PDB file of N, CA and C in Angstrom:
ATOM      1  N   MET A   1       0.854  -1.165   0.000  1.00  0.00           N
ATOM      2  CA  MET A   1       0.000   0.000   0.000  1.00  0.00           C
ATOM      3  C   MET A   1       0.901   1.228   0.000  1.00  0.00           C
ATOM      4  N   ASN A   2       0.447   2.305  -0.632  1.00  0.00           N
ATOM      5  CA  ASN A   2       1.235   3.532  -0.588  1.00  0.00           C
ATOM      6  C   ASN A   2       0.507   4.592   0.230  1.00  0.00           C
ATOM      7  N   LEU A   3       1.195   5.662   0.537  1.00  0.00           N
ATOM      8  CA  LEU A   3       0.657   6.707   1.401  1.00  0.00           C
ATOM      9  C   LEU A   3      -0.580   7.372   0.808  1.00  0.00           C
ATOM     10  N   ALA A   4      -0.652   7.478  -0.505  1.00  0.00           N
ATOM     11  CA  ALA A   4      -1.815   8.093  -1.143  1.00  0.00           C
ATOM     12  C   ALA A   4      -3.074   7.239  -0.966  1.00  0.00           C
ATOM     13  N   GLU A   5      -2.907   5.931  -0.808  1.00  0.00           N
ATOM     14  CA  GLU A   5      -4.036   5.014  -0.650  1.00  0.00           C
ATOM     15  C   GLU A   5      -4.440   4.795   0.805  1.00  0.00           C
ATOM     16  N   LEU A   6      -3.592   5.172   1.730  1.00  0.00           N
ATOM     17  CA  LEU A   6      -3.842   4.937   3.148  1.00  0.00           C
ATOM     18  C   LEU A   6      -5.046   5.750   3.613  1.00  0.00           C
ATOM     19  N   PRO A   7      -6.005   5.111   4.294  1.00  0.00           N
ATOM     20  CA  PRO A   7      -7.168   5.866   4.795  1.00  0.00           C
ATOM     21  C   PRO A   7      -6.734   6.975   5.762  1.00  0.00           C
ATOM     22  N   LEU A   8      -7.487   8.062   5.758  1.00  0.00           N
ATOM     23  CA  LEU A   8      -7.189   9.187   6.644  1.00  0.00           C
ATOM     24  C   LEU A   8      -7.208   8.726   8.100  1.00  0.00           C
ATOM     25  N   SER A   9      -6.377   9.327   8.908  1.00  0.00           N
ATOM     26  CA  SER A   9      -6.243   9.077  10.348  1.00  0.00           C
ATOM     27  C   SER A   9      -5.702   7.695  10.679  1.00  0.00           C
ATOM     28  N   THR A  10      -5.110   7.003   9.696  1.00  0.00           N
ATOM     29  CA  THR A  10      -4.522   5.692   9.934  1.00  0.00           C
ATOM     30  C   THR A  10      -3.008   5.841  10.046  1.00  0.00           C
ATOM     31  N   GLU A  11      -2.468   5.468  11.190  1.00  0.00           N
ATOM     32  CA  GLU A  11      -1.026   5.565  11.392  1.00  0.00           C
ATOM     33  C   GLU A  11      -0.324   4.432  10.654  1.00  0.00           C
ATOM     34  N   ALA A  12       0.804   4.743  10.049  1.00  0.00           N
ATOM     35  CA  ALA A  12       1.565   3.736   9.304  1.00  0.00           C
ATOM     36  C   ALA A  12       3.051   4.042   9.398  1.00  0.00           C
ATOM     37  N   THR A  13       3.846   3.044   9.050  1.00  0.00           N
ATOM     38  CA  THR A  13       5.296   3.184   9.020  1.00  0.00           C
ATOM     39  C   THR A  13       5.760   3.144   7.573  1.00  0.00           C
ATOM     40  N   ILE A  14       6.661   4.043   7.216  1.00  0.00           N
ATOM     41  CA  ILE A  14       7.198   4.064   5.856  1.00  0.00           C
ATOM     42  C   ILE A  14       8.103   2.855   5.674  1.00  0.00           C
ATOM     43  N   GLU A  15       7.778   2.020   4.685  1.00  0.00           N
ATOM     44  CA  GLU A  15       8.584   0.839   4.378  1.00  0.00           C
ATOM     45  C   GLU A  15       9.612   1.130   3.293  1.00  0.00           C
ATOM     46  N   SER A  16       9.204   1.921   2.302  1.00  0.00           N
ATOM     47  CA  SER A  16      10.101   2.220   1.184  1.00  0.00           C
ATOM     48  C   SER A  16       9.672   3.521   0.524  1.00  0.00           C
ATOM     49  N   ILE A  17      10.622   4.131  -0.154  1.00  0.00           N
ATOM     50  CA  ILE A  17      10.339   5.333  -0.941  1.00  0.00           C
ATOM     51  C   ILE A  17      10.995   5.150  -2.298  1.00  0.00           C
ATOM     52  N   ASP A  18      10.214   5.284  -3.347  1.00  0.00           N
ATOM     53  CA  ASP A  18      10.734   5.153  -4.712  1.00  0.00           C
ATOM     54  C   ASP A  18      11.295   6.511  -5.131  1.00  0.00           C
ATOM     55  N   TRP A  19      12.546   6.763  -4.738  1.00  0.00           N
ATOM     56  CA  TRP A  19      13.168   8.063  -5.014  1.00  0.00           C
ATOM     57  C   TRP A  19      13.259   8.328  -6.518  1.00  0.00           C
ATOM     58  N   SER A  20      13.361   7.279  -7.327  1.00  0.00           N
ATOM     59  CA  SER A  20      13.477   7.465  -8.777  1.00  0.00           C
ATOM     60  C   SER A  20      12.181   7.974  -9.405  1.00  0.00           C
ATOM     61  N   ALA A  21      11.055   7.829  -8.703  1.00  0.00           N
ATOM     62  CA  ALA A  21       9.776   8.317  -9.214  1.00  0.00           C
ATOM     63  C   ALA A  21       9.598   9.814  -8.956  1.00  0.00           C
ATOM     64  N   LEU A  22      10.504  10.395  -8.182  1.00  0.00           N
ATOM     65  CA  LEU A  22      10.416  11.809  -7.807  1.00  0.00           C
ATOM     66  C   LEU A  22      11.535  12.596  -8.473  1.00  0.00           C
ATOM     67  N   SER A  23      11.263  13.863  -8.729  1.00  0.00           N
ATOM     68  CA  SER A  23      12.337  14.710  -9.235  1.00  0.00           C
ATOM     69  C   SER A  23      13.362  14.906  -8.117  1.00  0.00           C
ATOM     70  N   GLU A  24      14.561  15.304  -8.484  1.00  0.00           N
ATOM     71  CA  GLU A  24      15.609  15.513  -7.482  1.00  0.00           C
ATOM     72  C   GLU A  24      15.178  16.555  -6.450  1.00  0.00           C
ATOM     73  N   ARG A  25      14.538  17.600  -6.917  1.00  0.00           N
ATOM     74  CA  ARG A  25      14.072  18.681  -6.029  1.00  0.00           C
ATOM     75  C   ARG A  25      13.011  18.167  -5.052  1.00  0.00           C
ATOM     76  N   ASP A  26      12.043  17.390  -5.569  1.00  0.00           N
ATOM     77  CA  ASP A  26      10.978  16.865  -4.711  1.00  0.00           C
ATOM     78  C   ASP A  26      11.522  15.843  -3.717  1.00  0.00           C
ATOM     79  N   ALA A  27      12.452  15.004  -4.164  1.00  0.00           N
ATOM     80  CA  ALA A  27      13.060  14.018  -3.271  1.00  0.00           C
ATOM     81  C   ALA A  27      13.814  14.719  -2.146  1.00  0.00           C
ATOM     82  N   ARG A  28      14.556  15.755  -2.470  1.00  0.00           N
ATOM     83  CA  ARG A  28      15.297  16.503  -1.450  1.00  0.00           C
ATOM     84  C   ARG A  28      14.334  17.137  -0.452  1.00  0.00           C
ATOM     85  N   ARG A  29      13.232  17.692  -0.941  1.00  0.00           N
ATOM     86  CA  ARG A  29      12.243  18.327  -0.064  1.00  0.00           C
ATOM     87  C   ARG A  29      11.642  17.309   0.905  1.00  0.00           C
ATOM     88  N   LEU A  30      11.288  16.129   0.403  1.00  0.00           N
ATOM     89  CA  LEU A  30      10.717  15.101   1.282  1.00  0.00           C
ATOM     90  C   LEU A  30      11.719  14.660   2.339  1.00  0.00           C
ATOM     91  N   ARG A  31      12.973  14.516   1.947  1.00  0.00           N
ATOM     92  CA  ARG A  31      14.015  14.150   2.930  1.00  0.00           C
ATOM     93  C   ARG A  31      14.140  15.229   4.002  1.00  0.00           C
ATOM     94  N   GLU A  32      14.126  16.488   3.579  1.00  0.00           N
ATOM     95  CA  GLU A  32      14.244  17.603   4.530  1.00  0.00           C
ATOM     96  C   GLU A  32      13.057  17.660   5.483  1.00  0.00           C
ATOM     97  N   LEU A  33      11.892  17.213   5.022  1.00  0.00           N
ATOM     98  CA  LEU A  33      10.693  17.206   5.858  1.00  0.00           C
ATOM     99  C   LEU A  33      10.641  15.990   6.783  1.00  0.00           C
ATOM    100  N   GLY A  34      11.588  15.060   6.638  1.00  0.00           N
ATOM    101  CA  GLY A  34      11.659  13.925   7.543  1.00  0.00           C
ATOM    102  C   GLY A  34      11.124  12.619   6.994  1.00  0.00           C
ATOM    103  N   PHE A  35      10.771  12.572   5.722  1.00  0.00           N
ATOM    104  CA  PHE A  35      10.297  11.319   5.134  1.00  0.00           C
ATOM    105  C   PHE A  35      11.491  10.400   4.898  1.00  0.00           C
ATOM    106  N   ASP A  36      11.461   9.232   5.539  1.00  0.00           N
ATOM    107  CA  ASP A  36      12.519   8.239   5.396  1.00  0.00           C
ATOM    108  C   ASP A  36      11.961   6.901   5.867  1.00  0.00           C
ATOM    109  N   GLU A  37      12.613   5.820   5.512  1.00  0.00           N
ATOM    110  CA  GLU A  37      12.161   4.495   5.923  1.00  0.00           C
ATOM    111  C   GLU A  37      12.170   4.387   7.441  1.00  0.00           C
ATOM    112  N   GLY A  38      11.116   3.762   7.986  1.00  0.00           N
ATOM    113  CA  GLY A  38      11.006   3.583   9.426  1.00  0.00           C
ATOM    114  C   GLY A  38      10.278   4.692  10.157  1.00  0.00           C
ATOM    115  N   VAL A  39       9.975   5.779   9.473  1.00  0.00           N
ATOM    116  CA  VAL A  39       9.299   6.920  10.093  1.00  0.00           C
ATOM    117  C   VAL A  39       7.791   6.664  10.137  1.00  0.00           C
ATOM    118  N   THR A  40       7.149   7.087  11.221  1.00  0.00           N
ATOM    119  CA  THR A  40       5.703   6.948  11.359  1.00  0.00           C
ATOM    120  C   THR A  40       5.011   8.150  10.739  1.00  0.00           C
ATOM    121  N   VAL A  41       3.983   7.882   9.912  1.00  0.00           N
ATOM    122  CA  VAL A  41       3.217   8.940   9.251  1.00  0.00           C
ATOM    123  C   VAL A  41       1.720   8.677   9.430  1.00  0.00           C
ATOM    124  N   THR A  42       0.937   9.754   9.378  1.00  0.00           N
ATOM    125  CA  THR A  42      -0.515   9.647   9.461  1.00  0.00           C
ATOM    126  C   THR A  42      -1.128  10.659   8.509  1.00  0.00           C
ATOM    127  N   PRO A  43      -1.866  10.208   7.476  1.00  0.00           N
ATOM    128  CA  PRO A  43      -2.561  11.169   6.616  1.00  0.00           C
ATOM    129  C   PRO A  43      -3.742  11.764   7.390  1.00  0.00           C
ATOM    130  N   LEU A  44      -3.836  13.080   7.395  1.00  0.00           N
ATOM    131  CA  LEU A  44      -4.847  13.754   8.199  1.00  0.00           C
ATOM    132  C   LEU A  44      -6.009  14.316   7.386  1.00  0.00           C
ATOM    133  N   HIS A  45      -5.702  14.841   6.213  1.00  0.00           N
ATOM    134  CA  HIS A  45      -6.732  15.537   5.456  1.00  0.00           C
ATOM    135  C   HIS A  45      -6.358  15.564   3.987  1.00  0.00           C
ATOM    136  N   GLY A  46      -7.324  15.257   3.129  1.00  0.00           N
ATOM    137  CA  GLY A  46      -7.122  15.386   1.689  1.00  0.00           C
ATOM    138  C   GLY A  46      -7.777  16.661   1.220  1.00  0.00           C
ATOM    139  N   GLY A  47      -7.360  17.172   0.080  1.00  0.00           N
ATOM    140  CA  GLY A  47      -7.901  18.413  -0.460  1.00  0.00           C
ATOM    141  C   GLY A  47      -9.385  18.314  -0.771  1.00  0.00           C
ATOM    142  N   GLY A  48      -9.820  18.999  -1.807  1.00  0.00           N
ATOM    143  CA  GLY A  48     -11.230  19.041  -2.178  1.00  0.00           C
ATOM    144  C   GLY A  48     -11.737  17.724  -2.742  1.00  0.00           C
ATOM    145  N   PHE A  49     -12.983  17.733  -3.207  1.00  0.00           N
ATOM    146  CA  PHE A  49     -13.614  16.521  -3.714  1.00  0.00           C
ATOM    147  C   PHE A  49     -13.079  16.102  -5.070  1.00  0.00           C
ATOM    148  N   VAL A  50     -12.667  17.049  -5.887  1.00  0.00           N
ATOM    149  CA  VAL A  50     -12.241  16.728  -7.240  1.00  0.00           C
ATOM    150  C   VAL A  50     -10.762  16.356  -7.281  1.00  0.00           C
ATOM    151  N   ALA A  51      -9.889  17.271  -6.947  1.00  0.00           N
ATOM    152  CA  ALA A  51      -8.448  17.044  -7.082  1.00  0.00           C
ATOM    153  C   ALA A  51      -7.871  16.252  -5.906  1.00  0.00           C
ATOM    154  N   ARG A  52      -8.406  16.452  -4.706  1.00  0.00           N
ATOM    155  CA  ARG A  52      -7.932  15.787  -3.494  1.00  0.00           C
ATOM    156  C   ARG A  52      -6.472  16.105  -3.176  1.00  0.00           C
ATOM    157  N   ASP A  53      -5.948  17.189  -3.713  1.00  0.00           N
ATOM    158  CA  ASP A  53      -4.582  17.633  -3.430  1.00  0.00           C
ATOM    159  C   ASP A  53      -4.644  18.948  -2.683  1.00  0.00           C
ATOM    160  N   PRO A  54      -3.749  19.252  -1.827  1.00  0.00           N
ATOM    161  CA  PRO A  54      -2.671  18.414  -1.309  1.00  0.00           C
ATOM    162  C   PRO A  54      -3.177  17.491  -0.209  1.00  0.00           C
ATOM    163  N   LEU A  55      -2.305  16.608   0.227  1.00  0.00           N
ATOM    164  CA  LEU A  55      -2.588  15.679   1.307  1.00  0.00           C
ATOM    165  C   LEU A  55      -1.812  16.154   2.529  1.00  0.00           C
ATOM    166  N   ALA A  56      -2.521  16.408   3.621  1.00  0.00           N
ATOM    167  CA  ALA A  56      -1.865  16.807   4.873  1.00  0.00           C
ATOM    168  C   ALA A  56      -1.439  15.535   5.600  1.00  0.00           C
ATOM    169  N   VAL A  57      -0.164  15.465   5.963  1.00  0.00           N
ATOM    170  CA  VAL A  57       0.398  14.268   6.584  1.00  0.00           C
ATOM    171  C   VAL A  57       1.148  14.663   7.848  1.00  0.00           C
ATOM    172  N   ARG A  58       0.903  13.921   8.926  1.00  0.00           N
ATOM    173  CA  ARG A  58       1.682  14.129  10.154  1.00  0.00           C
ATOM    174  C   ARG A  58       2.924  13.258  10.061  1.00  0.00           C
ATOM    175  N   VAL A  59       4.072  13.899  10.210  1.00  0.00           N
ATOM    176  CA  VAL A  59       5.369  13.214  10.213  1.00  0.00           C
ATOM    177  C   VAL A  59       6.013  13.575  11.539  1.00  0.00           C
ATOM    178  N   GLY A  60       6.068  12.627  12.446  1.00  0.00           N
ATOM    179  CA  GLY A  60       6.565  12.955  13.783  1.00  0.00           C
ATOM    180  C   GLY A  60       5.603  13.928  14.444  1.00  0.00           C
ATOM    181  N   ARG A  61       6.102  15.092  14.838  1.00  0.00           N
ATOM    182  CA  ARG A  61       5.248  16.114  15.459  1.00  0.00           C
ATOM    183  C   ARG A  61       4.845  17.203  14.483  1.00  0.00           C
ATOM    184  N   MET A  62       5.269  17.098  13.220  1.00  0.00           N
ATOM    185  CA  MET A  62       4.963  18.112  12.200  1.00  0.00           C
ATOM    186  C   MET A  62       3.795  17.673  11.338  1.00  0.00           C
ATOM    187  N   THR A  63       3.090  18.641  10.802  1.00  0.00           N
ATOM    188  CA  THR A  63       2.091  18.376   9.778  1.00  0.00           C
ATOM    189  C   THR A  63       2.557  19.081   8.518  1.00  0.00           C
ATOM    190  N   VAL A  64       2.676  18.318   7.427  1.00  0.00           N
ATOM    191  CA  VAL A  64       3.150  18.862   6.155  1.00  0.00           C
ATOM    192  C   VAL A  64       2.144  18.539   5.065  1.00  0.00           C
ATOM    193  N   ALA A  65       2.178  19.316   4.002  1.00  0.00           N
ATOM    194  CA  ALA A  65       1.307  19.083   2.854  1.00  0.00           C
ATOM    195  C   ALA A  65       2.158  18.587   1.691  1.00  0.00           C
ATOM    196  N   ILE A  66       1.737  17.462   1.098  1.00  0.00           N
ATOM    197  CA  ILE A  66       2.433  16.927  -0.064  1.00  0.00           C
ATOM    198  C   ILE A  66       1.415  16.560  -1.130  1.00  0.00           C
ATOM    199  N   ARG A  67       1.853  16.489  -2.355  1.00  0.00           N
ATOM    200  CA  ARG A  67       0.981  16.090  -3.459  1.00  0.00           C
ATOM    201  C   ARG A  67       0.733  14.585  -3.396  1.00  0.00           C
ATOM    202  N   ARG A  68      -0.446  14.180  -3.844  1.00  0.00           N
ATOM    203  CA  ARG A  68      -0.767  12.754  -3.864  1.00  0.00           C
ATOM    204  C   ARG A  68       0.181  11.981  -4.781  1.00  0.00           C
ATOM    205  N   ALA A  69       0.654  12.614  -5.847  1.00  0.00           N
ATOM    206  CA  ALA A  69       1.603  11.950  -6.745  1.00  0.00           C
ATOM    207  C   ALA A  69       2.885  11.605  -5.999  1.00  0.00           C
ATOM    208  N   HIS A  70       3.302  12.463  -5.082  1.00  0.00           N
ATOM    209  CA  HIS A  70       4.490  12.196  -4.286  1.00  0.00           C
ATOM    210  C   HIS A  70       4.181  11.133  -3.225  1.00  0.00           C
ATOM    211  N   ALA A  71       2.993  11.208  -2.639  1.00  0.00           N
ATOM    212  CA  ALA A  71       2.588  10.224  -1.634  1.00  0.00           C
ATOM    213  C   ALA A  71       2.508   8.825  -2.238  1.00  0.00           C
ATOM    214  N   ALA A  72       2.196   8.739  -3.530  1.00  0.00           N
ATOM    215  CA  ALA A  72       2.096   7.436  -4.199  1.00  0.00           C
ATOM    216  C   ALA A  72       3.463   6.749  -4.302  1.00  0.00           C
ATOM    217  N   ALA A  73       4.540   7.492  -4.190  1.00  0.00           N
ATOM    218  CA  ALA A  73       5.890   6.922  -4.254  1.00  0.00           C
ATOM    219  C   ALA A  73       6.369   6.425  -2.900  1.00  0.00           C
ATOM    220  N   ILE A  74       5.542   6.587  -1.862  1.00  0.00           N
ATOM    221  CA  ILE A  74       5.927   6.221  -0.498  1.00  0.00           C
ATOM    222  C   ILE A  74       5.151   4.973  -0.083  1.00  0.00           C
ATOM    223  N   GLY A  75       5.852   3.850   0.028  1.00  0.00           N
ATOM    224  CA  GLY A  75       5.232   2.605   0.464  1.00  0.00           C
ATOM    225  C   GLY A  75       5.127   2.560   1.973  1.00  0.00           C
ATOM    226  N   VAL A  76       3.943   2.198   2.482  1.00  0.00           N
ATOM    227  CA  VAL A  76       3.710   2.185   3.932  1.00  0.00           C
ATOM    228  C   VAL A  76       3.082   0.864   4.355  1.00  0.00           C
ATOM    229  N   GLU A  77       3.197   0.592   5.655  1.00  0.00           N
ATOM    230  CA  GLU A  77       2.503  -0.533   6.266  1.00  0.00           C
ATOM    231  C   GLU A  77       1.709   0.016   7.449  1.00  0.00           C
ATOM    232  N   ALA A  78       0.395  -0.211   7.438  1.00  0.00           N
ATOM    233  CA  ALA A  78      -0.455   0.296   8.513  1.00  0.00           C
ATOM    234  C   ALA A  78      -0.050  -0.319   9.833  1.00  0.00           C
ATOM    235  N   ALA A  79      -0.118   0.488  10.886  1.00  0.00           N
ATOM    236  CA  ALA A  79       0.300   0.024  12.223  1.00  0.00           C
ATOM    237  C   ALA A  79      -0.748  -0.890  12.833  1.00  0.00           C
TER     238      ALA A  79
END
Protein backbone atom coordinates (compact mmCIF):
# COMPACT_ATOMS: atom_id res chain seq x y z
CA MET A 1 0.00 0.00 0.00
CA ASN A 2 1.23 3.53 -0.59
CA LEU A 3 0.66 6.71 1.40
CA ALA A 4 -1.82 8.09 -1.14
CA GLU A 5 -4.04 5.01 -0.65
CA LEU A 6 -3.84 4.94 3.15
CA PRO A 7 -7.17 5.87 4.80
CA LEU A 8 -7.19 9.19 6.64
CA SER A 9 -6.24 9.08 10.35
CA THR A 10 -4.52 5.69 9.93
CA GLU A 11 -1.03 5.56 11.39
CA ALA A 12 1.56 3.74 9.30
CA THR A 13 5.30 3.18 9.02
CA ILE A 14 7.20 4.06 5.86
CA GLU A 15 8.58 0.84 4.38
CA SER A 16 10.10 2.22 1.18
CA ILE A 17 10.34 5.33 -0.94
CA ASP A 18 10.73 5.15 -4.71
CA TRP A 19 13.17 8.06 -5.01
CA SER A 20 13.48 7.46 -8.78
CA ALA A 21 9.78 8.32 -9.21
CA LEU A 22 10.42 11.81 -7.81
CA SER A 23 12.34 14.71 -9.23
CA GLU A 24 15.61 15.51 -7.48
CA ARG A 25 14.07 18.68 -6.03
CA ASP A 26 10.98 16.87 -4.71
CA ALA A 27 13.06 14.02 -3.27
CA ARG A 28 15.30 16.50 -1.45
CA ARG A 29 12.24 18.33 -0.06
CA LEU A 30 10.72 15.10 1.28
CA ARG A 31 14.02 14.15 2.93
CA GLU A 32 14.24 17.60 4.53
CA LEU A 33 10.69 17.21 5.86
CA GLY A 34 11.66 13.92 7.54
CA PHE A 35 10.30 11.32 5.13
CA ASP A 36 12.52 8.24 5.40
CA GLU A 37 12.16 4.49 5.92
CA GLY A 38 11.01 3.58 9.43
CA VAL A 39 9.30 6.92 10.09
CA THR A 40 5.70 6.95 11.36
CA VAL A 41 3.22 8.94 9.25
CA THR A 42 -0.52 9.65 9.46
CA PRO A 43 -2.56 11.17 6.62
CA LEU A 44 -4.85 13.75 8.20
CA HIS A 45 -6.73 15.54 5.46
CA GLY A 46 -7.12 15.39 1.69
CA GLY A 47 -7.90 18.41 -0.46
CA GLY A 48 -11.23 19.04 -2.18
CA PHE A 49 -13.61 16.52 -3.71
CA VAL A 50 -12.24 16.73 -7.24
CA ALA A 51 -8.45 17.04 -7.08
CA ARG A 52 -7.93 15.79 -3.49
CA ASP A 53 -4.58 17.63 -3.43
CA PRO A 54 -2.67 18.41 -1.31
CA LEU A 55 -2.59 15.68 1.31
CA ALA A 56 -1.86 16.81 4.87
CA VAL A 57 0.40 14.27 6.58
CA ARG A 58 1.68 14.13 10.15
CA VAL A 59 5.37 13.21 10.21
CA GLY A 60 6.56 12.96 13.78
CA ARG A 61 5.25 16.11 15.46
CA MET A 62 4.96 18.11 12.20
CA THR A 63 2.09 18.38 9.78
CA VAL A 64 3.15 18.86 6.16
CA ALA A 65 1.31 19.08 2.85
CA ILE A 66 2.43 16.93 -0.06
CA ARG A 67 0.98 16.09 -3.46
CA ARG A 68 -0.77 12.75 -3.86
CA ALA A 69 1.60 11.95 -6.75
CA HIS A 70 4.49 12.20 -4.29
CA ALA A 71 2.59 10.22 -1.63
CA ALA A 72 2.10 7.44 -4.20
CA ALA A 73 5.89 6.92 -4.25
CA ILE A 74 5.93 6.22 -0.50
CA GLY A 75 5.23 2.60 0.46
CA VAL A 76 3.71 2.19 3.93
CA GLU A 77 2.50 -0.53 6.27
CA ALA A 78 -0.45 0.30 8.51
CA ALA A 79 0.30 0.02 12.22
